[in-house]
Amino acid sequence: MSSRRKARILAFQALYAWNTSHISTEELLTFSWVEQEKLEKLDADARLFAAFLVKGTIENIDIIDKKIQEHLKHWSIDRIQKIDLALLRISTYTLMFQKDIPFQIVIDEAVEIAKEFGTDESYRFVNGVLDSIRKSLQNT
């Protein structure tokens, strides 16, 4: 597993924790909630990238949630499973604000993480919403 994938998983888990337990931003960004043994397996660049993703997502949460809501068909953002929402948020942040990362990589990573951590339907849902967001961003 690549260092970037590990960083995305850590960032996704941090956003999930933030959304479900309202852990402080400082605790999130220092990853104090992660077992020390697991954290030590990540290189410094992966931890920095994960912190960058978390911080950027939280700072832009209103814009990100609005963008996600625009691409939900007959669905409210409040009804999205917390795992899927955390993954959509971090991926939408990347699609909107990290233009140097190809769309396909962002979506593929999100789908793989959804397969690993979500329900049987999560990856399809995440893929559909992110692909719709991608198309809207490419048309602007």
C-alpha atoms as a PDB file:
ATOM      1  CA  MET A   1       0.000   0.000   0.000  1.00  0.00           C
ATOM      2  CA  SER A   2       1.379   3.384  -0.982  1.00  0.00           C
ATOM      3  CA  SER A   3       2.265   6.090   1.481  1.00  0.00           C
ATOM      4  CA  ARG A   4      -0.376   8.368  -0.065  1.00  0.00           C
ATOM      5  CA  ARG A   5      -3.066   5.688   0.318  1.00  0.00           C
ATOM      6  CA  LYS A   6      -2.148   5.255   3.978  1.00  0.00           C
ATOM      7  CA  ALA A   7      -2.315   9.032   4.418  1.00  0.00           C
ATOM      8  CA  ARG A   8      -5.762   9.169   2.789  1.00  0.00           C
ATOM      9  CA  ILE A   9      -7.015   6.389   5.051  1.00  0.00           C
ATOM     10  CA  LEU A  10      -5.672   8.196   8.112  1.00  0.00           C
ATOM     11  CA  ALA A  11      -7.282  11.463   6.982  1.00  0.00           C
ATOM     12  CA  PHE A  12     -10.573   9.686   6.257  1.00  0.00           C
ATOM     13  CA  GLN A  13     -10.508   8.104   9.723  1.00  0.00           C
ATOM     14  CA  ALA A  14      -9.753  11.492  11.289  1.00  0.00           C
ATOM     15  CA  LEU A  15     -12.735  13.088   9.555  1.00  0.00           C
ATOM     16  CA  TYR A  16     -14.934  10.219  10.631  1.00  0.00           C
ATOM     17  CA  ALA A  17     -13.775  10.719  14.233  1.00  0.00           C
ATOM     18  CA  TRP A  18     -14.325  14.474  13.953  1.00  0.00           C
ATOM     19  CA  ASN A  19     -17.835  13.955  12.624  1.00  0.00           C
ATOM     20  CA  THR A  20     -18.892  11.316  15.136  1.00  0.00           C
ATOM     21  CA  SER A  21     -17.113  12.289  18.346  1.00  0.00           C
ATOM     22  CA  HIS A  22     -16.396  15.976  17.786  1.00  0.00           C
ATOM     23  CA  ILE A  23     -12.765  15.492  18.690  1.00  0.00           C
ATOM     24  CA  SER A  24     -10.772  18.727  18.672  1.00  0.00           C
ATOM     25  CA  THR A  25      -8.958  19.854  15.547  1.00  0.00           C
ATOM     26  CA  GLU A  26      -5.656  19.800  17.425  1.00  0.00           C
ATOM     27  CA  GLU A  27      -6.157  16.169  18.421  1.00  0.00           C
ATOM     28  CA  LEU A  28      -7.090  15.342  14.843  1.00  0.00           C
ATOM     29  CA  LEU A  29      -4.055  16.993  13.320  1.00  0.00           C
ATOM     30  CA  THR A  30      -1.607  15.409  15.770  1.00  0.00           C
ATOM     31  CA  PHE A  31      -3.360  12.036  15.385  1.00  0.00           C
ATOM     32  CA  SER A  32      -3.206  11.546  19.157  1.00  0.00           C
ATOM     33  CA  TRP A  33      -6.193   9.187  18.855  1.00  0.00           C
ATOM     34  CA  VAL A  34      -4.192   6.715  16.752  1.00  0.00           C
ATOM     35  CA  GLU A  35      -2.260   3.903  18.408  1.00  0.00           C
ATOM     36  CA  GLN A  36       1.378   4.979  18.619  1.00  0.00           C
ATOM     37  CA  GLU A  37       2.551   1.738  16.986  1.00  0.00           C
ATOM     38  CA  LYS A  38       0.380   2.343  13.917  1.00  0.00           C
ATOM     39  CA  LEU A  39       1.374   5.999  13.706  1.00  0.00           C
ATOM     40  CA  GLU A  40       5.060   5.116  13.775  1.00  0.00           C
ATOM     41  CA  LYS A  41       4.581   2.949  10.673  1.00  0.00           C
ATOM     42  CA  LEU A  42       3.686   6.072   8.679  1.00  0.00           C
ATOM     43  CA  ASP A  43       6.497   8.207   7.379  1.00  0.00           C
ATOM     44  CA  ALA A  44       6.569  11.935   8.149  1.00  0.00           C
ATOM     45  CA  ASP A  45       5.386  12.860   4.642  1.00  0.00           C
ATOM     46  CA  ALA A  46       2.313  10.639   4.966  1.00  0.00           C
ATOM     47  CA  ARG A  47       1.410  12.199   8.325  1.00  0.00           C
ATOM     48  CA  LEU A  48       1.875  15.686   6.881  1.00  0.00           C
ATOM     49  CA  PHE A  49      -0.263  14.881   3.835  1.00  0.00           C
ATOM     50  CA  ALA A  50      -3.000  13.409   6.042  1.00  0.00           C
ATOM     51  CA  ALA A  51      -2.949  16.490   8.292  1.00  0.00           C
ATOM     52  CA  PHE A  52      -3.094  18.729   5.206  1.00  0.00           C
ATOM     53  CA  LEU A  53      -6.164  16.867   3.927  1.00  0.00           C
ATOM     54  CA  VAL A  54      -7.934  17.014   7.284  1.00  0.00           C
ATOM     55  CA  LYS A  55      -7.182  20.683   7.890  1.00  0.00           C
ATOM     56  CA  GLY A  56      -8.192  21.718   4.376  1.00  0.00           C
ATOM     57  CA  THR A  57     -11.400  19.721   4.520  1.00  0.00           C
ATOM     58  CA  ILE A  58     -12.456  21.126   7.891  1.00  0.00           C
ATOM     59  CA  GLU A  59     -11.589  24.693   6.869  1.00  0.00           C
ATOM     60  CA  ASN A  60     -13.742  24.354   3.744  1.00  0.00           C
ATOM     61  CA  ILE A  61     -16.470  22.105   5.154  1.00  0.00           C
ATOM     62  CA  ASP A  62     -19.378  24.400   4.234  1.00  0.00           C
ATOM     63  CA  ILE A  63     -18.287  24.687   0.587  1.00  0.00           C
ATOM     64  CA  ILE A  64     -17.583  20.965   0.420  1.00  0.00           C
ATOM     65  CA  ASP A  65     -20.917  19.967   1.953  1.00  0.00           C
ATOM     66  CA  LYS A  66     -22.746  22.307  -0.409  1.00  0.00           C
ATOM     67  CA  LYS A  67     -20.985  20.735  -3.394  1.00  0.00           C
ATOM     68  CA  ILE A  68     -21.823  17.232  -2.174  1.00  0.00           C
ATOM     69  CA  GLN A  69     -25.466  18.165  -1.590  1.00  0.00           C
ATOM     70  CA  GLU A  70     -25.714  19.547  -5.137  1.00  0.00           C
ATOM     71  CA  HIS A  71     -24.863  16.082  -6.445  1.00  0.00           C
ATOM     72  CA  LEU A  72     -27.185  13.988  -4.312  1.00  0.00           C
ATOM     73  CA  LYS A  73     -30.281  12.933  -6.189  1.00  0.00           C
ATOM     74  CA  HIS A  74     -33.348  12.803  -3.951  1.00  0.00           C
ATOM     75  CA  TRP A  75     -31.115  12.455  -0.922  1.00  0.00           C
ATOM     76  CA  SER A  76     -30.078  14.674   1.968  1.00  0.00           C
ATOM     77  CA  ILE A  77     -26.506  14.946   3.195  1.00  0.00           C
ATOM     78  CA  ASP A  78     -27.828  14.172   6.690  1.00  0.00           C
ATOM     79  CA  ARG A  79     -28.886  10.709   5.502  1.00  0.00           C
ATOM     80  CA  ILE A  80     -25.453   9.686   4.231  1.00  0.00           C
ATOM     81  CA  GLN A  81     -23.696   7.064   6.325  1.00  0.00           C
ATOM     82  CA  LYS A  82     -20.920   8.677   8.376  1.00  0.00           C
ATOM     83  CA  ILE A  83     -18.216   6.556   6.748  1.00  0.00           C
ATOM     84  CA  ASP A  84     -19.357   7.510   3.264  1.00  0.00           C
ATOM     85  CA  LEU A  85     -19.692  11.166   4.249  1.00  0.00           C
ATOM     86  CA  ALA A  86     -16.152  11.343   5.637  1.00  0.00           C
ATOM     87  CA  LEU A  87     -14.847   9.786   2.438  1.00  0.00           C
ATOM     88  CA  LEU A  88     -16.915  12.083   0.214  1.00  0.00           C
ATOM     89  CA  ARG A  89     -15.748  15.146   2.128  1.00  0.00           C
ATOM     90  CA  ILE A  90     -12.056  14.399   1.894  1.00  0.00           C
ATOM     91  CA  SER A  91     -12.319  13.395  -1.761  1.00  0.00           C
ATOM     92  CA  THR A  92     -14.409  16.439  -2.669  1.00  0.00           C
ATOM     93  CA  TYR A  93     -11.838  18.651  -0.955  1.00  0.00           C
ATOM     94  CA  THR A  94      -9.136  17.058  -3.086  1.00  0.00           C
ATOM     95  CA  LEU A  95     -11.156  17.402  -6.299  1.00  0.00           C
ATOM     96  CA  MET A  96     -11.926  21.058  -5.598  1.00  0.00           C
ATOM     97  CA  PHE A  97      -8.666  22.325  -4.126  1.00  0.00           C
ATOM     98  CA  GLN A  98      -5.833  19.999  -5.158  1.00  0.00           C
ATOM     99  CA  LYS A  99      -5.852  20.433  -8.900  1.00  0.00           C
ATOM    100  CA  ASP A 100      -2.444  18.747  -9.225  1.00  0.00           C
ATOM    101  CA  ILE A 101      -3.933  15.366  -8.305  1.00  0.00           C
ATOM    102  CA  PRO A 102      -5.711  13.728 -11.267  1.00  0.00           C
ATOM    103  CA  PHE A 103      -9.455  13.230 -10.810  1.00  0.00           C
ATOM    104  CA  GLN A 104      -9.212   9.528 -11.591  1.00  0.00           C
ATOM    105  CA  ILE A 105      -6.693   8.913  -8.807  1.00  0.00           C
ATOM    106  CA  VAL A 106      -8.916  10.688  -6.282  1.00  0.00           C
ATOM    107  CA  ILE A 107     -11.999   8.722  -7.300  1.00  0.00           C
ATOM    108  CA  ASP A 108     -10.173   5.369  -7.555  1.00  0.00           C
ATOM    109  CA  GLU A 109      -8.658   5.833  -4.078  1.00  0.00           C
ATOM    110  CA  ALA A 110     -12.051   6.775  -2.628  1.00  0.00           C
ATOM    111  CA  VAL A 111     -13.692   3.723  -4.197  1.00  0.00           C
ATOM    112  CA  GLU A 112     -10.999   1.405  -2.830  1.00  0.00           C
ATOM    113  CA  ILE A 113     -11.273   2.895   0.663  1.00  0.00           C
ATOM    114  CA  ALA A 114     -15.082   2.630   0.484  1.00  0.00           C
ATOM    115  CA  LYS A 115     -14.758  -1.063  -0.426  1.00  0.00           C
ATOM    116  CA  GLU A 116     -12.513  -1.617   2.574  1.00  0.00           C
ATOM    117  CA  PHE A 117     -14.386   0.408   5.203  1.00  0.00           C
ATOM    118  CA  GLY A 118     -17.935   0.947   3.941  1.00  0.00           C
ATOM    119  CA  THR A 119     -20.961  -1.187   3.256  1.00  0.00           C
ATOM    120  CA  ASP A 120     -21.424  -3.345   0.164  1.00  0.00           C
ATOM    121  CA  GLU A 121     -23.076  -0.387  -1.591  1.00  0.00           C
ATOM    122  CA  SER A 122     -20.705   2.356  -0.369  1.00  0.00           C
ATOM    123  CA  TYR A 123     -18.248   2.195  -3.226  1.00  0.00           C
ATOM    124  CA  ARG A 124     -20.966   2.566  -5.869  1.00  0.00           C
ATOM    125  CA  PHE A 125     -22.529   5.503  -4.041  1.00  0.00           C
ATOM    126  CA  VAL A 126     -19.161   7.230  -3.473  1.00  0.00           C
ATOM    127  CA  ASN A 127     -18.141   6.626  -7.082  1.00  0.00           C
ATOM    128  CA  GLY A 128     -21.400   8.066  -8.446  1.00  0.00           C
ATOM    129  CA  VAL A 129     -21.338  11.207  -6.324  1.00  0.00           C
ATOM    130  CA  LEU A 130     -17.643  11.912  -6.928  1.00  0.00           C
ATOM    131  CA  ASP A 131     -17.958  11.317 -10.665  1.00  0.00           C
ATOM    132  CA  SER A 132     -20.847  13.790 -10.790  1.00  0.00           C
ATOM    133  CA  ILE A 133     -18.767  16.332  -8.857  1.00  0.00           C
ATOM    134  CA  ARG A 134     -15.829  15.728 -11.198  1.00  0.00           C
ATOM    135  CA  LYS A 135     -17.978  16.421 -14.255  1.00  0.00           C
ATOM    136  CA  SER A 136     -19.315  19.644 -12.753  1.00  0.00           C
ATOM    137  CA  LEU A 137     -15.797  20.840 -11.894  1.00  0.00           C
ATOM    138  CA  GLN A 138     -14.501  20.058 -15.379  1.00  0.00           C
ATOM    139  CA  ASN A 139     -17.319  22.083 -16.896  1.00  0.00           C
ATOM    140  CA  THR A 140     -16.478  25.245 -14.955  1.00  0.00           C
END
